[in-house]
């Protein structure tokens, strides 16, 4: 499938694109809000794409670029986001339960109110990110860089804070942690 064909199908009202192979397709600045990409392969360029409210359950975004993308209230359960870049992306209220975000770049991303229960964030860069009110229960945060991040009111129940990088990090209780400055 070509980019223009996908856009035309979307414009005509089609919302289901599950299991499609969209690898290497440049979907930068395309509005695909509310679409269903369940289990699709999307190792592509999605810079500035609008995927608000999209169902991306089980999607592979490994090594994809989603810089400045809008993923508000998107469903990314069990998605593979390994080594993807979400720099300055908006993931407000997103459902990332059980997702693999290992070594993902979420620098200056907005994850406020998102659900990351059981996600793998090993080695993820969350520098300057907003994690206000996030549910991080049972999340693997080993080696995560949280410098300048805001974790106000985040739920860290069952999370080990060992091996994480803190510098000017706002913790759930409002205190500031500077272990690695």
N, C-alpha and C. Protein backbone atom coordinates (compact mmCIF):
# COMPACT_ATOMS: atom_id res chain seq x y z
N UNK A 1 0.84 -1.18 0.00
CA UNK A 1 0.00 0.00 0.00
C UNK A 1 0.89 1.24 0.00
N UNK A 2 0.48 2.23 -0.74
CA UNK A 2 1.21 3.49 -0.82
C UNK A 2 0.58 4.52 0.13
N UNK A 3 1.35 5.54 0.48
CA UNK A 3 0.91 6.59 1.40
C UNK A 3 -0.41 7.21 0.95
N UNK A 4 -0.49 7.62 -0.30
CA UNK A 4 -1.68 8.32 -0.79
C UNK A 4 -2.91 7.42 -0.75
N UNK A 5 -2.72 6.14 -1.02
CA UNK A 5 -3.83 5.19 -0.97
C UNK A 5 -4.38 5.09 0.45
N UNK A 6 -3.49 5.02 1.44
CA UNK A 6 -3.90 4.97 2.84
C UNK A 6 -4.67 6.24 3.22
N UNK A 7 -4.16 7.39 2.83
CA UNK A 7 -4.81 8.66 3.14
C UNK A 7 -6.20 8.73 2.50
N UNK A 8 -6.32 8.29 1.26
CA UNK A 8 -7.61 8.30 0.56
C UNK A 8 -8.62 7.38 1.24
N UNK A 9 -8.18 6.19 1.64
CA UNK A 9 -9.08 5.25 2.34
C UNK A 9 -9.57 5.87 3.64
N UNK A 10 -8.65 6.54 4.35
CA UNK A 10 -9.01 7.19 5.61
C UNK A 10 -10.03 8.31 5.35
N UNK A 11 -9.79 9.10 4.33
CA UNK A 11 -10.70 10.21 4.00
C UNK A 11 -12.09 9.70 3.62
N UNK A 12 -12.15 8.51 3.06
CA UNK A 12 -13.43 7.91 2.67
C UNK A 12 -14.13 7.23 3.83
N UNK A 13 -13.51 7.27 5.01
CA UNK A 13 -14.16 6.73 6.20
C UNK A 13 -13.61 5.42 6.73
N UNK A 14 -12.70 4.80 6.01
CA UNK A 14 -12.13 3.55 6.53
C UNK A 14 -11.27 3.87 7.75
N UNK A 15 -11.45 3.10 8.80
CA UNK A 15 -10.67 3.30 10.02
C UNK A 15 -9.88 2.06 10.42
N UNK A 16 -10.18 0.91 9.83
CA UNK A 16 -9.48 -0.31 10.20
C UNK A 16 -8.32 -0.58 9.24
N UNK A 17 -7.11 -0.56 9.80
CA UNK A 17 -5.90 -0.85 9.04
C UNK A 17 -5.07 -1.90 9.79
N UNK A 18 -5.73 -2.74 10.57
CA UNK A 18 -5.05 -3.75 11.37
C UNK A 18 -4.28 -4.73 10.51
N UNK A 19 -3.12 -5.12 11.03
CA UNK A 19 -2.23 -6.09 10.40
C UNK A 19 -1.64 -5.60 9.07
N UNK A 20 -1.82 -4.34 8.73
CA UNK A 20 -1.22 -3.81 7.51
C UNK A 20 0.28 -3.68 7.70
N UNK A 21 1.03 -3.83 6.64
CA UNK A 21 2.48 -3.63 6.68
C UNK A 21 2.76 -2.23 6.14
N UNK A 22 3.01 -1.31 7.05
CA UNK A 22 3.24 0.09 6.68
C UNK A 22 4.69 0.49 6.91
N UNK A 23 5.56 -0.51 6.99
CA UNK A 23 6.98 -0.21 7.20
C UNK A 23 7.51 0.61 6.03
N UNK A 24 8.41 1.50 6.36
CA UNK A 24 9.09 2.37 5.39
C UNK A 24 8.16 3.40 4.76
N UNK A 25 6.91 3.48 5.21
CA UNK A 25 5.98 4.48 4.68
C UNK A 25 6.13 5.77 5.49
N UNK A 26 6.31 6.89 4.82
CA UNK A 26 6.41 8.17 5.50
C UNK A 26 5.00 8.71 5.74
N UNK A 27 4.59 8.70 6.99
CA UNK A 27 3.27 9.19 7.37
C UNK A 27 3.38 10.48 8.19
N UNK A 28 4.42 11.24 7.95
CA UNK A 28 4.63 12.50 8.66
C UNK A 28 3.48 13.46 8.40
N UNK A 29 3.04 14.12 9.46
CA UNK A 29 2.00 15.15 9.42
C UNK A 29 0.66 14.68 8.86
N UNK A 30 0.40 13.38 8.90
CA UNK A 30 -0.87 12.82 8.41
C UNK A 30 -1.84 12.67 9.58
N UNK A 31 -3.10 12.99 9.36
CA UNK A 31 -4.14 12.83 10.39
C UNK A 31 -4.77 11.45 10.24
N UNK A 32 -4.48 10.57 11.21
CA UNK A 32 -5.07 9.23 11.25
C UNK A 32 -5.72 9.01 12.60
N UNK A 33 -6.23 10.09 13.18
CA UNK A 33 -6.85 10.00 14.50
C UNK A 33 -8.03 9.04 14.49
N UNK A 34 -8.10 8.24 15.55
CA UNK A 34 -9.20 7.30 15.71
C UNK A 34 -9.10 6.04 14.86
N UNK A 35 -8.04 5.89 14.09
CA UNK A 35 -7.89 4.70 13.25
C UNK A 35 -7.49 3.49 14.09
N UNK A 36 -7.74 2.31 13.57
CA UNK A 36 -7.40 1.05 14.24
C UNK A 36 -6.27 0.38 13.46
N UNK A 37 -5.09 0.37 14.08
CA UNK A 37 -3.91 -0.24 13.47
C UNK A 37 -3.47 -1.48 14.26
N UNK A 38 -4.39 -2.17 14.90
CA UNK A 38 -4.06 -3.32 15.73
C UNK A 38 -3.13 -4.28 15.00
N UNK A 39 -1.99 -4.55 15.66
CA UNK A 39 -0.96 -5.49 15.16
C UNK A 39 -0.36 -5.12 13.81
N UNK A 40 -0.42 -3.86 13.43
CA UNK A 40 0.20 -3.42 12.18
C UNK A 40 1.71 -3.26 12.37
N UNK A 41 2.44 -3.29 11.28
CA UNK A 41 3.88 -3.03 11.28
C UNK A 41 4.07 -1.60 10.81
N UNK A 42 4.58 -0.74 11.71
CA UNK A 42 4.68 0.68 11.39
C UNK A 42 6.06 1.22 11.73
N UNK A 43 7.11 0.53 11.37
CA UNK A 43 8.47 1.01 11.63
C UNK A 43 8.77 2.12 10.63
N UNK A 44 8.07 3.21 10.75
CA UNK A 44 8.14 4.24 9.73
C UNK A 44 8.32 5.62 10.34
N UNK A 45 8.27 6.61 9.48
CA UNK A 45 8.41 8.00 9.88
C UNK A 45 7.01 8.58 10.10
N UNK A 46 6.74 8.97 11.34
CA UNK A 46 5.43 9.52 11.70
C UNK A 46 5.60 10.88 12.39
N UNK A 47 6.58 11.64 11.97
CA UNK A 47 6.86 12.94 12.58
C UNK A 47 5.64 13.84 12.44
N UNK A 48 5.15 14.34 13.57
CA UNK A 48 4.00 15.25 13.57
C UNK A 48 2.68 14.60 13.20
N UNK A 49 2.62 13.28 13.13
CA UNK A 49 1.37 12.59 12.78
C UNK A 49 0.35 12.73 13.89
N UNK A 50 -0.93 12.74 13.52
CA UNK A 50 -2.01 12.79 14.50
C UNK A 50 -2.62 11.40 14.62
N UNK A 51 -2.30 10.73 15.73
CA UNK A 51 -2.82 9.40 16.02
C UNK A 51 -3.65 9.43 17.29
N UNK A 52 -4.22 10.58 17.60
CA UNK A 52 -5.03 10.73 18.81
C UNK A 52 -6.18 9.73 18.78
N UNK A 53 -6.35 9.01 19.88
CA UNK A 53 -7.44 8.06 20.00
C UNK A 53 -7.31 6.82 19.13
N UNK A 54 -6.19 6.65 18.47
CA UNK A 54 -5.99 5.48 17.60
C UNK A 54 -5.77 4.22 18.44
N UNK A 55 -6.20 3.09 17.91
CA UNK A 55 -5.94 1.80 18.55
C UNK A 55 -4.70 1.21 17.90
N UNK A 56 -3.61 1.23 18.68
CA UNK A 56 -2.32 0.76 18.20
C UNK A 56 -1.88 -0.46 19.00
N UNK A 57 -2.83 -1.25 19.47
CA UNK A 57 -2.55 -2.44 20.26
C UNK A 57 -1.65 -3.39 19.47
N UNK A 58 -0.53 -3.78 20.10
CA UNK A 58 0.37 -4.75 19.48
C UNK A 58 1.14 -4.25 18.28
N UNK A 59 1.08 -2.96 18.00
CA UNK A 59 1.78 -2.39 16.85
C UNK A 59 3.29 -2.44 17.07
N UNK A 60 4.05 -2.61 16.01
CA UNK A 60 5.50 -2.52 16.08
C UNK A 60 5.93 -1.16 15.55
N UNK A 61 6.43 -0.33 16.48
CA UNK A 61 7.00 0.97 16.13
C UNK A 61 8.50 0.93 16.36
N UNK A 62 9.11 -0.25 16.37
CA UNK A 62 10.53 -0.37 16.65
C UNK A 62 11.33 0.53 15.71
N UNK A 63 12.14 1.39 16.30
CA UNK A 63 13.02 2.32 15.59
C UNK A 63 12.27 3.36 14.76
N UNK A 64 10.99 3.55 15.02
CA UNK A 64 10.20 4.54 14.28
C UNK A 64 10.42 5.94 14.86
N UNK A 65 10.15 6.95 14.06
CA UNK A 65 10.26 8.33 14.51
C UNK A 65 8.87 8.93 14.64
N UNK A 66 8.49 9.24 15.90
CA UNK A 66 7.19 9.84 16.19
C UNK A 66 7.39 11.20 16.88
N UNK A 67 8.42 11.90 16.47
CA UNK A 67 8.74 13.21 17.02
C UNK A 67 7.56 14.15 16.78
N UNK A 68 7.14 14.87 17.82
CA UNK A 68 6.02 15.81 17.77
C UNK A 68 4.68 15.15 17.39
N UNK A 69 4.58 13.85 17.48
CA UNK A 69 3.32 13.17 17.14
C UNK A 69 2.28 13.37 18.24
N UNK A 70 1.02 13.36 17.85
CA UNK A 70 -0.10 13.47 18.80
C UNK A 70 -0.68 12.07 19.00
N UNK A 71 -0.47 11.52 20.19
CA UNK A 71 -0.99 10.20 20.55
C UNK A 71 -1.87 10.30 21.79
N UNK A 72 -2.54 11.43 21.97
CA UNK A 72 -3.40 11.58 23.14
C UNK A 72 -4.48 10.51 23.12
N UNK A 73 -4.64 9.87 24.27
CA UNK A 73 -5.64 8.81 24.48
C UNK A 73 -5.52 7.65 23.48
N UNK A 74 -4.35 7.48 22.90
CA UNK A 74 -4.12 6.34 22.01
C UNK A 74 -3.98 5.07 22.84
N UNK A 75 -4.34 3.95 22.25
CA UNK A 75 -4.21 2.65 22.91
C UNK A 75 -2.99 1.96 22.32
N UNK A 76 -1.96 1.79 23.16
CA UNK A 76 -0.71 1.19 22.72
C UNK A 76 -0.38 -0.04 23.57
N UNK A 77 -1.40 -0.78 23.99
CA UNK A 77 -1.18 -1.96 24.82
C UNK A 77 -0.31 -2.98 24.09
N UNK A 78 0.72 -3.44 24.80
CA UNK A 78 1.63 -4.47 24.29
C UNK A 78 2.27 -4.09 22.96
N UNK A 79 2.38 -2.80 22.70
CA UNK A 79 3.05 -2.33 21.48
C UNK A 79 4.56 -2.47 21.65
N UNK A 80 5.27 -2.68 20.55
CA UNK A 80 6.72 -2.74 20.57
C UNK A 80 7.25 -1.39 20.11
N UNK A 81 7.75 -0.60 21.07
CA UNK A 81 8.23 0.74 20.79
C UNK A 81 9.74 0.83 20.97
N UNK A 82 10.39 -0.31 20.89
CA UNK A 82 11.82 -0.46 21.09
C UNK A 82 12.61 0.51 20.21
N UNK A 83 13.46 1.32 20.85
CA UNK A 83 14.35 2.28 20.17
C UNK A 83 13.60 3.32 19.33
N UNK A 84 12.32 3.53 19.57
CA UNK A 84 11.57 4.56 18.84
C UNK A 84 11.85 5.93 19.44
N UNK A 85 11.61 6.97 18.69
CA UNK A 85 11.79 8.33 19.18
C UNK A 85 10.43 9.04 19.26
N UNK A 86 10.08 9.42 20.50
CA UNK A 86 8.84 10.16 20.77
C UNK A 86 9.20 11.54 21.31
N UNK A 87 10.29 12.12 20.86
CA UNK A 87 10.73 13.42 21.35
C UNK A 87 9.61 14.45 21.15
N UNK A 88 9.25 15.13 22.23
CA UNK A 88 8.22 16.18 22.22
C UNK A 88 6.84 15.67 21.77
N UNK A 89 6.60 14.38 21.86
CA UNK A 89 5.30 13.82 21.49
C UNK A 89 4.30 14.00 22.62
N UNK A 90 3.02 14.02 22.28
CA UNK A 90 1.95 14.14 23.28
C UNK A 90 1.25 12.80 23.42
N UNK A 91 1.49 12.15 24.58
CA UNK A 91 0.87 10.86 24.89
C UNK A 91 -0.05 11.00 26.10
N UNK A 92 -0.64 12.17 26.27
CA UNK A 92 -1.54 12.42 27.39
C UNK A 92 -2.66 11.39 27.41
N UNK A 93 -2.82 10.72 28.56
CA UNK A 93 -3.90 9.76 28.73
C UNK A 93 -3.77 8.50 27.89
N UNK A 94 -2.60 8.23 27.33
CA UNK A 94 -2.41 7.04 26.50
C UNK A 94 -2.38 5.77 27.35
N UNK A 95 -2.80 4.67 26.77
CA UNK A 95 -2.79 3.36 27.43
C UNK A 95 -1.61 2.58 26.89
N UNK A 96 -0.55 2.50 27.71
CA UNK A 96 0.68 1.82 27.32
C UNK A 96 0.92 0.57 28.16
N UNK A 97 -0.14 -0.02 28.67
CA UNK A 97 0.02 -1.20 29.53
C UNK A 97 0.73 -2.32 28.79
N UNK A 98 1.79 -2.83 29.44
CA UNK A 98 2.52 -3.96 28.89
C UNK A 98 3.34 -3.66 27.65
N UNK A 99 3.50 -2.39 27.31
CA UNK A 99 4.26 -2.02 26.11
C UNK A 99 5.76 -2.18 26.34
N UNK A 100 6.50 -2.43 25.27
CA UNK A 100 7.95 -2.50 25.34
C UNK A 100 8.51 -1.17 24.86
N UNK A 101 9.00 -0.37 25.81
CA UNK A 101 9.58 0.93 25.51
C UNK A 101 11.08 0.93 25.77
N UNK A 102 11.69 -0.24 25.72
CA UNK A 102 13.12 -0.35 26.02
C UNK A 102 13.94 0.53 25.09
N UNK A 103 14.82 1.35 25.72
CA UNK A 103 15.71 2.27 25.00
C UNK A 103 14.97 3.26 24.10
N UNK A 104 13.74 3.57 24.45
CA UNK A 104 12.95 4.54 23.69
C UNK A 104 13.29 5.95 24.14
N UNK A 105 13.22 6.89 23.23
CA UNK A 105 13.48 8.29 23.55
C UNK A 105 12.15 9.01 23.72
N UNK A 106 11.89 9.44 24.96
CA UNK A 106 10.68 10.19 25.28
C UNK A 106 11.06 11.55 25.87
N UNK A 107 12.12 12.14 25.35
CA UNK A 107 12.62 13.42 25.83
C UNK A 107 11.57 14.51 25.59
N UNK A 108 11.25 15.25 26.64
CA UNK A 108 10.27 16.34 26.62
C UNK A 108 8.90 15.90 26.11
N UNK A 109 8.57 14.64 26.31
CA UNK A 109 7.26 14.12 25.92
C UNK A 109 6.25 14.38 27.04
N UNK A 110 4.99 14.48 26.68
CA UNK A 110 3.92 14.65 27.67
C UNK A 110 3.20 13.31 27.82
N UNK A 111 3.40 12.68 28.98
CA UNK A 111 2.77 11.40 29.28
C UNK A 111 1.80 11.55 30.44
N UNK A 112 1.37 12.75 30.73
CA UNK A 112 0.51 12.98 31.89
C UNK A 112 -0.76 12.13 31.79
N UNK A 113 -1.08 11.50 32.91
CA UNK A 113 -2.29 10.69 32.99
C UNK A 113 -2.24 9.39 32.21
N UNK A 114 -1.09 9.02 31.69
CA UNK A 114 -1.01 7.78 30.91
C UNK A 114 -0.88 6.56 31.82
N UNK A 115 -1.24 5.41 31.30
CA UNK A 115 -1.21 4.15 32.04
C UNK A 115 -0.08 3.30 31.50
N UNK A 116 0.98 3.17 32.30
CA UNK A 116 2.16 2.41 31.89
C UNK A 116 2.34 1.14 32.72
N UNK A 117 1.27 0.67 33.34
CA UNK A 117 1.39 -0.51 34.20
C UNK A 117 2.00 -1.68 33.44
N UNK A 118 3.03 -2.27 34.07
CA UNK A 118 3.66 -3.46 33.51
C UNK A 118 4.49 -3.22 32.26
N UNK A 119 4.75 -1.97 31.92
CA UNK A 119 5.55 -1.67 30.72
C UNK A 119 7.03 -1.86 31.01
N UNK A 120 7.79 -2.10 29.97
CA UNK A 120 9.24 -2.23 30.07
C UNK A 120 9.86 -0.93 29.56
N UNK A 121 10.46 -0.16 30.48
CA UNK A 121 11.09 1.10 30.11
C UNK A 121 12.60 1.07 30.35
N UNK A 122 13.21 -0.10 30.36
CA UNK A 122 14.64 -0.23 30.62
C UNK A 122 15.42 0.66 29.65
N UNK A 123 16.28 1.53 30.22
CA UNK A 123 17.15 2.38 29.41
C UNK A 123 16.47 3.52 28.69
N UNK A 124 15.21 3.78 28.99
CA UNK A 124 14.47 4.84 28.31
C UNK A 124 14.90 6.22 28.78
N UNK A 125 14.92 7.18 27.87
CA UNK A 125 15.26 8.57 28.19
C UNK A 125 13.96 9.34 28.34
N UNK A 126 13.70 9.79 29.58
CA UNK A 126 12.50 10.58 29.88
C UNK A 126 12.90 11.98 30.34
N UNK A 127 14.00 12.47 29.83
CA UNK A 127 14.54 13.77 30.22
C UNK A 127 13.53 14.87 29.90
N UNK A 128 13.19 15.66 30.93
CA UNK A 128 12.27 16.78 30.75
C UNK A 128 10.84 16.39 30.44
N UNK A 129 10.49 15.14 30.66
CA UNK A 129 9.13 14.67 30.34
C UNK A 129 8.14 14.93 31.46
N UNK A 130 6.88 15.06 31.09
CA UNK A 130 5.80 15.26 32.05
C UNK A 130 5.11 13.92 32.28
N UNK A 131 5.28 13.37 33.49
CA UNK A 131 4.68 12.09 33.87
C UNK A 131 3.68 12.31 35.00
N UNK A 132 3.12 13.50 35.09
CA UNK A 132 2.17 13.84 36.14
C UNK A 132 0.98 12.88 36.11
N UNK A 133 0.71 12.27 37.26
CA UNK A 133 -0.45 11.39 37.39
C UNK A 133 -0.36 10.08 36.63
N UNK A 134 0.82 9.71 36.16
CA UNK A 134 0.99 8.43 35.44
C UNK A 134 0.86 7.25 36.38
N UNK A 135 0.36 6.16 35.87
CA UNK A 135 0.30 4.91 36.62
C UNK A 135 1.48 4.06 36.16
N UNK A 136 2.50 3.99 37.01
CA UNK A 136 3.73 3.26 36.68
C UNK A 136 3.88 1.99 37.51
N UNK A 137 2.79 1.50 38.08
CA UNK A 137 2.88 0.30 38.91
C UNK A 137 3.47 -0.87 38.13
N UNK A 138 4.37 -1.59 38.83
CA UNK A 138 4.98 -2.81 38.28
C UNK A 138 5.71 -2.57 36.96
N UNK A 139 6.21 -1.35 36.78
CA UNK A 139 6.94 -1.00 35.57
C UNK A 139 8.43 -1.21 35.79
N UNK A 140 9.14 -1.70 34.78
CA UNK A 140 10.58 -1.87 34.87
C UNK A 140 11.24 -0.58 34.41
N UNK A 141 11.84 0.15 35.37
CA UNK A 141 12.45 1.45 35.08
C UNK A 141 13.97 1.42 35.25
N UNK A 142 14.59 0.25 35.18
CA UNK A 142 16.03 0.13 35.37
C UNK A 142 16.78 0.94 34.30
N UNK A 143 17.69 1.80 34.75
CA UNK A 143 18.51 2.58 33.83
C UNK A 143 17.79 3.74 33.17
N UNK A 144 16.60 4.09 33.64
CA UNK A 144 15.82 5.18 33.05
C UNK A 144 16.40 6.53 33.48
N UNK A 145 16.49 7.47 32.54
CA UNK A 145 16.97 8.81 32.83
C UNK A 145 15.77 9.72 33.02
N UNK A 146 15.58 10.18 34.28
CA UNK A 146 14.45 11.03 34.63
C UNK A 146 14.89 12.45 34.99
N UNK A 147 16.03 12.89 34.47
CA UNK A 147 16.50 14.24 34.76
C UNK A 147 15.48 15.27 34.25
N UNK A 148 15.16 16.23 35.09
CA UNK A 148 14.20 17.30 34.78
C UNK A 148 12.79 16.80 34.48
N UNK A 149 12.49 15.57 34.86
CA UNK A 149 11.14 15.01 34.64
C UNK A 149 10.22 15.37 35.80
N UNK A 150 8.92 15.39 35.53
CA UNK A 150 7.91 15.69 36.54
C UNK A 150 7.07 14.43 36.79
N UNK A 151 7.23 13.87 38.00
CA UNK A 151 6.49 12.67 38.40
C UNK A 151 5.42 13.00 39.43
N UNK A 152 4.99 14.24 39.51
CA UNK A 152 3.99 14.65 40.49
C UNK A 152 2.77 13.73 40.42
N UNK A 153 2.37 13.22 41.57
CA UNK A 153 1.17 12.39 41.71
C UNK A 153 1.22 11.10 40.89
N UNK A 154 2.40 10.70 40.43
CA UNK A 154 2.52 9.42 39.70
C UNK A 154 2.47 8.27 40.70
N UNK A 155 1.96 7.14 40.27
CA UNK A 155 1.88 5.95 41.11
C UNK A 155 3.08 5.06 40.80
N UNK A 156 4.01 4.97 41.77
CA UNK A 156 5.22 4.16 41.61
C UNK A 156 5.18 2.90 42.46
N UNK A 157 4.00 2.45 42.82
CA UNK A 157 3.85 1.27 43.67
C UNK A 157 4.50 0.05 43.00
N UNK A 158 5.38 -0.61 43.77
CA UNK A 158 6.04 -1.82 43.27
C UNK A 158 7.18 -1.55 42.31
N UNK A 159 7.63 -0.29 42.22
CA UNK A 159 8.71 0.08 41.30
C UNK A 159 9.99 0.28 42.09
N UNK A 160 11.06 -0.35 41.66
CA UNK A 160 12.37 -0.14 42.27
C UNK A 160 12.99 1.11 41.66
N UNK A 161 13.47 2.01 42.52
CA UNK A 161 14.08 3.25 42.04
C UNK A 161 15.59 3.11 41.89
N UNK A 162 16.12 1.93 42.14
CA UNK A 162 17.56 1.70 41.98
C UNK A 162 17.93 1.69 40.50
N UNK A 163 19.10 2.27 40.20
CA UNK A 163 19.59 2.26 38.83
C UNK A 163 18.96 3.30 37.94
N UNK A 164 18.20 4.22 38.53
CA UNK A 164 17.58 5.29 37.75
C UNK A 164 18.40 6.57 37.91
N UNK A 165 18.31 7.48 36.97
CA UNK A 165 19.04 8.73 37.02
C UNK A 165 18.07 9.86 37.36
N UNK A 166 18.38 10.54 38.48
CA UNK A 166 17.55 11.65 38.94
C UNK A 166 18.40 12.91 39.01
N UNK A 167 17.94 13.99 38.46
CA UNK A 167 18.57 15.30 38.60
C UNK A 167 17.46 16.32 38.36
N UNK A 168 17.13 17.06 39.40
CA UNK A 168 16.05 18.04 39.32
C UNK A 168 14.73 17.35 38.95
N UNK A 169 14.54 16.14 39.46
CA UNK A 169 13.35 15.34 39.18
C UNK A 169 12.29 15.60 40.25
N UNK A 170 11.10 15.97 39.83
CA UNK A 170 10.00 16.18 40.77
C UNK A 170 9.35 14.83 41.04
N UNK A 171 9.39 14.41 42.29
CA UNK A 171 8.88 13.10 42.69
C UNK A 171 7.38 13.17 42.97
N UNK A 172 6.71 12.01 43.11
CA UNK A 172 5.25 11.99 43.32
C UNK A 172 4.77 12.84 44.50
N UNK A 173 5.59 12.94 45.55
CA UNK A 173 5.20 13.71 46.73
C UNK A 173 5.55 15.20 46.60
N UNK A 174 6.09 15.61 45.46
CA UNK A 174 6.44 17.00 45.23
C UNK A 174 7.88 17.34 45.57
N UNK A 175 8.59 16.42 46.22
CA UNK A 175 10.00 16.67 46.55
C UNK A 175 10.84 16.59 45.27
N UNK A 176 12.03 17.19 45.35
CA UNK A 176 12.94 17.18 44.21
C UNK A 176 14.11 16.26 44.52
N UNK A 177 14.42 15.37 43.59
CA UNK A 177 15.49 14.40 43.80
C UNK A 177 16.65 14.73 42.86
N UNK A 178 17.86 14.78 43.46
CA UNK A 178 19.06 15.17 42.72
C UNK A 178 20.19 14.17 42.91
N UNK A 179 19.93 12.90 42.79
CA UNK A 179 20.95 11.87 43.04
C UNK A 179 22.10 11.90 42.04
N UNK A 180 21.88 12.33 40.83
CA UNK A 180 22.88 12.19 39.78
C UNK A 180 23.27 13.51 39.11
N UNK A 181 23.11 14.62 39.81
CA UNK A 181 23.46 15.91 39.21
C UNK A 181 24.96 16.14 39.22
